[in-house]
Amino acid sequence: MDVGKEDSGGPIPGRGWRRWAMDTRPLRRPAYRRLWGSTVVTAVGSQLTAVAVPKQIYDITGSSVWVGYASLAGLVPLVVFALWGGAVADRMDRRKLLLISDSGIAVTSVLLWAQAFAGLDSVAALMVLLAVQQAFFGLVSPARSASIPRLVPADELPAANALGSTVSQTGMLVGPLLAGALIPVIGLAELYLIDAVALSAAVWADWRLPALPPLGGAAAVARSGWREIVAGFRYIAAHKVLLLSFLADIIAMVLGMPRALFPQLASETYVAHGEGFALGVLYAAIPVGAVLGGLASGTFSRARRHGLLVIASVIAWGLAIMGFGLSGSLWVALAFLVAAGVADMVSMVFRGAILLSAATDEMRGRMQGVFTVVVAGGPRLADALHGAGGSAFGPRTAIAVGGGLVVVLSLALAAAPTLRRYRA
């Protein structure tokens, strides 16, 4: 059954300050609550592994170059399997795909723990396991996101996206801090084991979900290959609101994500505060803003002009990044990064809502596969672009120019009425 076609379940609750508080209505629905609960337990666990892999590679090689190679080793299978996984998610029971993929990630985490516990010290083994794990992650992400409209009504999609995004951003904030605290106490290998236990809980939650077969029934089940992936891109090209929403994210992330320059800023511009402290708070600031935005997302469910809100939030992101680049004070810089995080949360929620509402169910998996590629690939391209710009012109100039370009191109995007006028 497509829950999105059911009654919304009553009016949006809350008056006064409660209008701003996070809309938790989707959590009243048991199936969505199980899916969201699995995200809660894995959000932190996955970040423990995200810290442990580069730390272990650096400990083995003493080289940041190998850490960069490992990032590429994980990116390629993520891109390939996210695109393919989106096609698979449109052609088979999404619950089964979630079970297979989360189980694969859990087994890989156990193998990562085993190699670390045994003291294998093999970069090749680490990179292979990381590549396999990212392949499974590429499979699971489209299926997880594409399942949401089958579990909640259409008017609760922004709230469901806000709940999921807030959990993910909280994991990005808490996970690295927890990893830093746990490594000296329990050791690096045990971080992988904690992640494996969290994933076991996710598999159990997947098991308790209802069946999520293609809505077309048996006739919809077909071979999932490159032809279906190409059909997904043709679908995007034919639906301009989807194409423009992807373009908005690419503009924001490729031109405006400055994280590659955080180490240089911490060691040069803000070194008076302590390089380690400055680096930590710079990395934490955007997730903090995103979490704050999620906690105050109650009005998201009332909004209908989703396209305009995407454009406005990307412009706000660009302005905040410009302010960050021009800031000589660490505390002012952090304030701008927190503001950027709030804008990013708004953009994520409404871009996600557009993808889930504007696409038909038989295309949602492929749309989420492309979304995963954009979200994962954009910041990595930004790392290369900002790294080159920071070396050539200085970090603050590169960041300010990037933020300015985001604003200019977003205003140009606003001239296209397809996205600007899109309503839920």
Protein backbone atom coordinates (compact mmCIF):
# COMPACT_ATOMS: atom_id res chain seq x y z
CA MET A 1 0.00 0.00 0.00
CA ASP A 2 1.24 3.53 -0.76
CA VAL A 3 0.73 5.34 2.52
CA GLY A 4 1.40 8.61 0.74
CA LYS A 5 -2.07 8.35 -0.75
CA GLU A 6 -3.80 7.94 2.59
CA ASP A 7 -5.27 10.60 4.81
CA SER A 8 -2.63 12.85 6.36
CA GLY A 9 -3.57 11.80 9.85
CA GLY A 10 -4.88 15.09 11.18
CA PRO A 11 -3.82 18.74 11.31
CA ILE A 12 -0.29 19.86 11.93
CA PRO A 13 0.05 20.21 15.70
CA GLY A 14 1.30 23.12 17.71
CA ARG A 15 0.80 26.85 18.20
CA GLY A 16 3.13 29.63 19.21
CA TRP A 17 6.69 28.43 19.73
CA ARG A 18 5.58 24.87 19.02
CA ARG A 19 5.02 25.85 15.41
CA TRP A 20 8.81 26.03 15.10
CA ALA A 21 9.57 22.77 16.88
CA MET A 22 10.37 19.69 14.82
CA ASP A 23 7.31 18.03 13.32
CA THR A 24 7.39 14.46 14.65
CA ARG A 25 4.12 13.23 13.12
CA PRO A 26 5.91 10.67 10.88
CA LEU A 27 7.16 8.90 14.01
CA ARG A 28 3.56 7.99 14.85
CA ARG A 29 3.66 5.55 11.93
CA PRO A 30 5.30 2.28 13.06
CA ALA A 31 6.90 1.41 9.72
CA TYR A 32 8.55 4.81 9.31
CA ARG A 33 9.56 4.77 12.98
CA ARG A 34 11.45 1.51 12.41
CA LEU A 35 13.19 2.90 9.32
CA TRP A 36 14.10 6.10 11.16
CA GLY A 37 15.21 4.16 14.23
CA SER A 38 17.66 2.16 12.14
CA THR A 39 19.08 5.46 10.88
CA VAL A 40 19.52 6.68 14.46
CA VAL A 41 21.66 3.72 15.52
CA THR A 42 23.77 3.67 12.36
CA ALA A 43 24.37 7.43 12.03
CA VAL A 44 26.97 7.50 14.79
CA GLY A 45 28.33 4.02 14.08
CA SER A 46 29.05 4.80 10.43
CA GLN A 47 30.97 7.90 11.46
CA LEU A 48 33.14 5.80 13.78
CA THR A 49 34.20 3.75 10.75
CA ALA A 50 34.60 6.94 8.69
CA VAL A 51 37.18 8.12 11.25
CA ALA A 52 38.80 4.72 11.87
CA VAL A 53 39.65 3.88 8.22
CA PRO A 54 41.69 7.02 7.40
CA LYS A 55 43.27 6.95 10.87
CA GLN A 56 44.39 3.34 10.39
CA ILE A 57 45.71 4.04 6.89
CA TYR A 58 47.66 7.05 8.15
CA ASP A 59 49.05 5.02 11.05
CA ILE A 60 50.27 2.36 8.59
CA THR A 61 51.70 4.67 5.91
CA GLY A 62 52.38 7.97 7.66
CA SER A 63 51.13 9.61 4.45
CA SER A 64 48.06 11.76 3.80
CA VAL A 65 48.37 10.87 0.12
CA TRP A 66 47.29 7.30 0.88
CA VAL A 67 44.35 8.67 2.85
CA GLY A 68 43.32 10.55 -0.30
CA TYR A 69 43.70 7.40 -2.39
CA ALA A 70 41.43 5.56 0.03
CA SER A 71 38.77 8.25 -0.43
CA LEU A 72 38.88 7.68 -4.18
CA ALA A 73 38.80 3.91 -3.66
CA GLY A 74 35.52 4.36 -1.83
CA LEU A 75 34.06 6.99 -4.19
CA VAL A 76 34.15 4.95 -7.41
CA PRO A 77 32.12 1.95 -6.15
CA LEU A 78 29.78 4.31 -4.31
CA VAL A 79 28.97 6.15 -7.54
CA VAL A 80 28.60 2.97 -9.62
CA PHE A 81 26.48 1.06 -7.13
CA ALA A 82 24.34 4.07 -6.16
CA LEU A 83 23.30 4.45 -9.79
CA TRP A 84 22.76 0.72 -10.23
CA GLY A 85 21.16 0.41 -6.79
CA GLY A 86 18.63 3.09 -7.72
CA ALA A 87 17.57 1.00 -10.71
CA VAL A 88 17.40 -2.13 -8.54
CA ALA A 89 15.29 -0.29 -5.95
CA ASP A 90 12.73 0.42 -8.67
CA ARG A 91 12.55 -3.22 -9.74
CA MET A 92 12.49 -5.30 -6.55
CA ASP A 93 11.05 -5.28 -3.05
CA ARG A 94 12.88 -2.42 -1.33
CA ARG A 95 12.66 -4.15 2.03
CA LYS A 96 14.65 -7.10 0.62
CA LEU A 97 17.23 -4.71 -0.84
CA LEU A 98 17.58 -2.99 2.54
CA LEU A 99 18.10 -6.35 4.24
CA ILE A 100 20.74 -7.46 1.73
CA SER A 101 22.62 -4.16 1.71
CA ASP A 102 22.64 -3.49 5.47
CA SER A 103 23.72 -7.11 6.08
CA GLY A 104 26.57 -6.63 3.61
CA ILE A 105 27.73 -3.47 5.35
CA ALA A 106 27.57 -5.23 8.73
CA VAL A 107 29.69 -8.17 7.48
CA THR A 108 32.22 -5.74 6.02
CA SER A 109 32.46 -3.91 9.36
CA VAL A 110 33.15 -7.23 11.10
CA LEU A 111 35.92 -7.93 8.57
CA LEU A 112 37.36 -4.46 9.17
CA TRP A 113 37.42 -5.23 12.88
CA ALA A 114 39.08 -8.59 12.24
CA GLN A 115 41.92 -7.15 10.17
CA ALA A 116 42.55 -4.39 12.72
CA PHE A 117 42.37 -6.81 15.68
CA ALA A 118 44.80 -9.18 13.94
CA GLY A 119 47.24 -6.34 13.23
CA LEU A 120 47.27 -7.10 9.50
CA ASP A 121 48.57 -3.60 8.63
CA SER A 122 47.62 -4.00 4.97
CA VAL A 123 46.55 -0.86 3.11
CA ALA A 124 45.41 -3.00 0.18
CA ALA A 125 43.08 -5.02 2.41
CA LEU A 126 41.68 -1.84 3.95
CA MET A 127 41.02 -0.26 0.56
CA VAL A 128 39.31 -3.39 -0.76
CA LEU A 129 37.06 -3.64 2.30
CA LEU A 130 36.30 0.07 2.12
CA ALA A 131 35.39 -0.26 -1.57
CA VAL A 132 33.06 -3.20 -0.82
CA GLN A 133 31.44 -1.34 2.06
CA GLN A 134 30.85 1.77 -0.05
CA ALA A 135 29.35 -0.41 -2.79
CA PHE A 136 26.80 -1.76 -0.30
CA PHE A 137 26.18 1.79 0.95
CA GLY A 138 25.52 2.85 -2.64
CA LEU A 139 22.91 0.07 -2.87
CA VAL A 140 21.15 0.85 0.40
CA SER A 141 20.89 4.65 0.18
CA PRO A 142 18.48 4.89 -2.78
CA ALA A 143 16.28 2.09 -1.40
CA ARG A 144 16.08 3.71 2.04
CA SER A 145 15.13 7.16 0.73
CA ALA A 146 12.78 5.86 -1.97
CA SER A 147 10.87 3.85 0.67
CA ILE A 148 9.81 6.91 2.67
CA PRO A 149 6.84 7.96 0.46
CA ARG A 150 5.45 4.44 0.88
CA LEU A 151 5.51 4.82 4.67
CA VAL A 152 4.20 8.36 5.28
CA PRO A 153 1.55 10.57 3.63
CA ALA A 154 2.67 13.11 1.03
CA ASP A 155 2.14 16.10 3.33
CA GLU A 156 4.53 14.59 5.90
CA LEU A 157 7.45 14.16 3.48
CA PRO A 158 9.22 17.41 4.51
CA ALA A 159 8.90 16.41 8.18
CA ALA A 160 10.22 12.91 7.46
CA ASN A 161 13.16 14.35 5.52
CA ALA A 162 13.90 16.77 8.35
CA LEU A 163 13.88 13.94 10.89
CA GLY A 164 16.26 11.83 8.78
CA SER A 165 18.59 14.70 7.89
CA THR A 166 18.80 15.86 11.51
CA VAL A 167 19.82 12.38 12.63
CA SER A 168 22.46 12.16 9.89
CA GLN A 169 23.92 15.54 10.77
CA THR A 170 23.91 14.66 14.46
CA GLY A 171 25.90 11.55 13.60
CA MET A 172 28.40 13.65 11.65
CA LEU A 173 28.79 15.86 14.71
CA VAL A 174 28.83 13.27 17.49
CA GLY A 175 30.55 10.39 15.68
CA PRO A 176 33.98 11.98 15.10
CA LEU A 177 34.02 13.45 18.61
CA LEU A 178 33.13 10.06 20.09
CA ALA A 179 35.77 8.33 17.96
CA GLY A 180 38.42 10.74 19.19
CA ALA A 181 37.42 10.03 22.77
CA LEU A 182 37.18 6.23 22.37
CA ILE A 183 40.38 5.46 20.44
CA PRO A 184 42.71 6.15 23.41
CA VAL A 185 40.42 4.13 25.73
CA ILE A 186 39.34 1.03 23.78
CA GLY A 187 41.51 1.17 20.68
CA LEU A 188 40.82 1.69 17.00
CA ALA A 189 39.71 -1.86 16.14
CA GLU A 190 36.73 -1.72 18.47
CA LEU A 191 35.26 1.24 16.56
CA TYR A 192 34.57 -1.14 13.67
CA LEU A 193 32.92 -3.59 16.05
CA ILE A 194 30.61 -0.92 17.47
CA ASP A 195 29.57 -0.04 13.93
CA ALA A 196 28.86 -3.73 13.19
CA VAL A 197 26.61 -4.00 16.28
CA ALA A 198 24.72 -0.85 15.24
CA LEU A 199 24.23 -2.30 11.77
CA SER A 200 22.85 -5.51 13.26
CA ALA A 201 20.16 -3.39 14.88
CA ALA A 202 19.47 -1.80 11.49
CA VAL A 203 19.06 -5.24 9.88
CA TRP A 204 16.54 -6.17 12.59
CA ALA A 205 14.61 -2.95 11.91
CA ASP A 206 14.65 -3.70 8.16
CA TRP A 207 13.28 -7.18 8.87
CA ARG A 208 10.26 -5.69 10.67
CA LEU A 209 9.34 -3.36 7.79
CA PRO A 210 6.38 -4.25 5.59
CA ALA A 211 6.99 -5.61 2.10
CA LEU A 212 7.71 -2.79 -0.37
CA PRO A 213 7.36 -4.37 -3.84
CA PRO A 214 7.06 -2.28 -7.04
CA LEU A 215 3.61 -0.73 -7.16
CA GLY A 216 3.06 -2.16 -10.63
CA GLY A 217 3.19 -5.69 -9.21
CA ALA A 218 4.94 -8.55 -10.96
CA ALA A 219 4.85 -6.79 -14.33
CA ALA A 220 7.06 -4.00 -12.93
CA VAL A 221 9.88 -6.37 -12.01
CA ALA A 222 12.45 -6.36 -14.79
CA ARG A 223 16.18 -6.70 -15.28
CA SER A 224 18.01 -3.75 -13.69
CA GLY A 225 20.92 -2.68 -15.86
CA TRP A 226 22.47 0.25 -17.64
CA ARG A 227 19.38 0.70 -19.82
CA GLU A 228 17.32 1.44 -16.71
CA ILE A 229 20.01 3.80 -15.39
CA VAL A 230 20.03 5.70 -18.68
CA ALA A 231 16.23 5.82 -18.52
CA GLY A 232 16.59 7.48 -15.12
CA PHE A 233 18.80 10.23 -16.54
CA ARG A 234 16.37 10.73 -19.42
CA TYR A 235 13.58 11.07 -16.85
CA ILE A 236 15.55 13.80 -15.07
CA ALA A 237 16.19 15.62 -18.34
CA ALA A 238 12.49 15.47 -19.19
CA HIS A 239 11.43 16.85 -15.77
CA LYS A 240 13.09 20.22 -15.39
CA VAL A 241 12.17 20.65 -11.74
CA LEU A 242 14.24 17.54 -10.90
CA LEU A 243 17.12 18.65 -13.13
CA LEU A 244 17.19 22.13 -11.57
CA SER A 245 17.02 20.77 -8.03
CA PHE A 246 20.11 18.65 -8.73
CA LEU A 247 21.81 21.67 -10.30
CA ALA A 248 21.09 23.77 -7.19
CA ASP A 249 22.82 21.18 -5.01
CA ILE A 250 25.81 20.96 -7.37
CA ILE A 251 26.21 24.75 -7.34
CA ALA A 252 26.07 24.88 -3.54
CA MET A 253 28.40 21.96 -2.82
CA VAL A 254 31.02 22.21 -5.59
CA LEU A 255 31.51 25.97 -5.37
CA GLY A 256 30.64 26.58 -1.73
CA MET A 257 31.87 23.68 0.43
CA PRO A 258 35.14 24.95 1.99
CA ARG A 259 36.12 22.00 4.24
CA ALA A 260 39.37 21.28 2.33
CA LEU A 261 40.71 24.63 3.56
CA PHE A 262 39.87 24.09 7.24
CA PRO A 263 43.33 22.67 8.09
CA GLN A 264 45.08 25.63 6.43
CA LEU A 265 42.83 28.14 8.18
CA ALA A 266 43.38 26.41 11.52
CA SER A 267 47.17 26.50 11.14
CA GLU A 268 47.43 30.04 9.72
CA THR A 269 44.44 32.33 10.25
CA TYR A 270 43.09 31.03 13.57
CA VAL A 271 46.23 29.49 15.06
CA ALA A 272 46.09 31.85 18.06
CA HIS A 273 43.18 29.79 19.40
CA GLY A 274 45.17 26.56 19.13
CA GLU A 275 45.39 24.68 15.87
CA GLY A 276 43.66 21.54 17.14
CA PHE A 277 40.81 23.45 18.76
CA ALA A 278 40.27 25.64 15.71
CA LEU A 279 40.24 22.65 13.39
CA GLY A 280 37.73 20.76 15.54
CA VAL A 281 35.25 23.60 15.83
CA LEU A 282 35.51 24.46 12.13
CA TYR A 283 34.54 20.91 11.20
CA ALA A 284 31.75 20.85 13.79
CA ALA A 285 30.14 24.20 12.96
CA ILE A 286 28.16 23.26 9.83
CA PRO A 287 26.70 20.07 11.39
CA VAL A 288 25.76 22.12 14.48
CA GLY A 289 23.84 24.54 12.28
CA ALA A 290 22.16 21.69 10.43
CA VAL A 291 21.03 20.07 13.68
CA LEU A 292 19.68 23.40 14.97
CA GLY A 293 17.83 23.86 11.69
CA GLY A 294 16.35 20.39 12.02
CA LEU A 295 15.20 20.98 15.58
CA ALA A 296 13.42 24.16 14.47
CA SER A 297 11.89 22.59 11.37
CA GLY A 298 8.25 22.62 12.48
CA THR A 299 7.28 25.15 9.82
CA PHE A 300 8.65 22.92 7.04
CA SER A 301 5.46 20.88 6.99
CA ARG A 302 3.37 24.02 6.37
CA ALA A 303 5.52 25.26 3.49
CA ARG A 304 4.25 24.63 -0.03
CA ARG A 305 6.64 26.61 -2.25
CA HIS A 306 9.37 24.03 -2.10
CA GLY A 307 11.20 25.24 -5.20
CA LEU A 308 11.48 28.82 -4.00
CA LEU A 309 12.71 27.63 -0.62
CA VAL A 310 15.46 25.55 -2.28
CA ILE A 311 16.67 28.61 -4.21
CA ALA A 312 16.47 30.89 -1.17
CA SER A 313 18.33 28.44 1.07
CA VAL A 314 21.14 27.96 -1.49
CA ILE A 315 21.50 31.75 -1.77
CA ALA A 316 21.62 31.95 2.04
CA TRP A 317 24.28 29.21 2.03
CA GLY A 318 26.37 31.21 -0.46
CA LEU A 319 26.06 34.44 1.55
CA ALA A 320 27.06 32.63 4.76
CA ILE A 321 30.09 31.05 3.06
CA MET A 322 31.09 34.49 1.74
CA GLY A 323 30.86 35.85 5.28
CA PHE A 324 32.95 32.95 6.55
CA GLY A 325 35.66 33.63 3.99
CA LEU A 326 35.80 37.32 4.89
CA SER A 327 35.94 36.70 8.65
CA GLY A 328 39.20 37.35 10.47
CA SER A 329 37.72 36.33 13.84
CA LEU A 330 37.23 32.64 14.59
CA TRP A 331 34.01 33.26 16.49
CA VAL A 332 32.49 35.33 13.68
CA ALA A 333 33.61 32.67 11.20
CA LEU A 334 31.92 29.97 13.28
CA ALA A 335 28.69 31.98 13.40
CA PHE A 336 28.65 32.15 9.61
CA LEU A 337 29.34 28.41 9.32
CA VAL A 338 26.49 27.63 11.73
CA ALA A 339 24.21 29.84 9.62
CA ALA A 340 25.40 27.95 6.53
CA GLY A 341 24.49 24.68 8.26
CA VAL A 342 20.95 25.92 8.90
CA ALA A 343 20.61 26.91 5.24
CA ASP A 344 21.98 23.53 4.16
CA MET A 345 19.38 21.71 6.27
CA VAL A 346 16.55 23.71 4.66
CA SER A 347 17.95 22.96 1.21
CA MET A 348 18.35 19.24 1.97
CA VAL A 349 14.80 18.88 3.28
CA PHE A 350 13.05 20.58 0.38
CA ARG A 351 15.29 19.14 -2.34
CA GLY A 352 14.53 15.73 -0.91
CA ALA A 353 10.81 16.49 -0.78
CA ILE A 354 10.84 17.59 -4.44
CA LEU A 355 12.63 14.39 -5.50
CA LEU A 356 10.17 12.20 -3.63
CA SER A 357 7.02 14.06 -4.69
CA ALA A 358 7.79 15.06 -8.28
CA ALA A 359 9.03 11.59 -9.29
CA THR A 360 6.73 8.60 -9.70
CA ASP A 361 7.31 5.56 -7.48
CA GLU A 362 8.83 3.47 -10.27
CA MET A 363 11.52 6.17 -10.73
CA ARG A 364 12.18 7.14 -7.11
CA GLY A 365 14.98 4.64 -6.61
CA ARG A 366 16.90 5.95 -9.60
CA MET A 367 16.32 9.55 -8.55
CA GLN A 368 17.73 8.75 -5.10
CA GLY A 369 20.68 6.97 -6.71
CA VAL A 370 21.58 10.12 -8.64
CA PHE A 371 20.98 12.14 -5.47
CA THR A 372 23.46 9.95 -3.58
CA VAL A 373 26.07 10.48 -6.31
CA VAL A 374 25.59 14.26 -6.23
CA VAL A 375 25.71 14.44 -2.43
CA ALA A 376 28.82 12.23 -2.25
CA GLY A 377 30.63 13.54 -5.30
CA GLY A 378 29.97 17.28 -4.96
CA PRO A 379 31.99 17.83 -1.75
CA ARG A 380 34.88 15.75 -3.13
CA LEU A 381 35.02 17.93 -6.25
CA ALA A 382 34.84 20.94 -3.94
CA ASP A 383 37.85 19.62 -2.01
CA ALA A 384 39.94 19.60 -5.20
CA LEU A 385 38.63 22.98 -6.39
CA HIS A 386 39.07 24.78 -3.07
CA GLY A 387 42.44 23.16 -2.46
CA ALA A 388 43.73 24.53 -5.76
CA GLY A 389 42.11 27.92 -5.19
CA GLY A 390 43.43 28.18 -1.64
CA SER A 391 46.98 27.44 -2.79
CA ALA A 392 46.76 30.01 -5.61
CA PHE A 393 44.90 32.89 -3.95
CA GLY A 394 44.82 32.13 -0.22
CA PRO A 395 42.09 30.28 1.67
CA ARG A 396 39.90 33.23 2.64
CA THR A 397 39.82 34.65 -0.88
CA ALA A 398 39.04 31.26 -2.40
CA ILE A 399 36.18 30.71 0.06
CA ALA A 400 34.69 34.20 -0.41
CA VAL A 401 34.84 33.93 -4.21
CA GLY A 402 33.24 30.48 -4.09
CA GLY A 403 30.40 31.76 -1.91
CA GLY A 404 29.89 34.71 -4.25
CA LEU A 405 29.66 32.41 -7.26
CA VAL A 406 27.03 30.35 -5.44
CA VAL A 407 24.92 33.49 -4.95
CA VAL A 408 25.29 34.66 -8.55
CA LEU A 409 24.50 31.28 -10.12
CA SER A 410 21.59 30.70 -7.72
CA LEU A 411 20.07 34.03 -8.73
CA ALA A 412 20.44 32.93 -12.35
CA LEU A 413 18.73 29.66 -11.40
CA ALA A 414 15.89 31.66 -9.86
CA ALA A 415 15.20 33.12 -13.30
CA ALA A 416 13.96 29.68 -14.37
CA PRO A 417 10.26 29.59 -13.35
CA THR A 418 10.07 25.78 -13.32
CA LEU A 419 11.88 25.47 -10.00
CA ARG A 420 10.95 28.85 -8.54
CA ARG A 421 7.22 28.23 -8.95
CA TYR A 422 7.19 24.58 -7.93
CA ARG A 423 4.69 23.87 -5.15
CA ALA A 424 4.02 20.73 -3.15
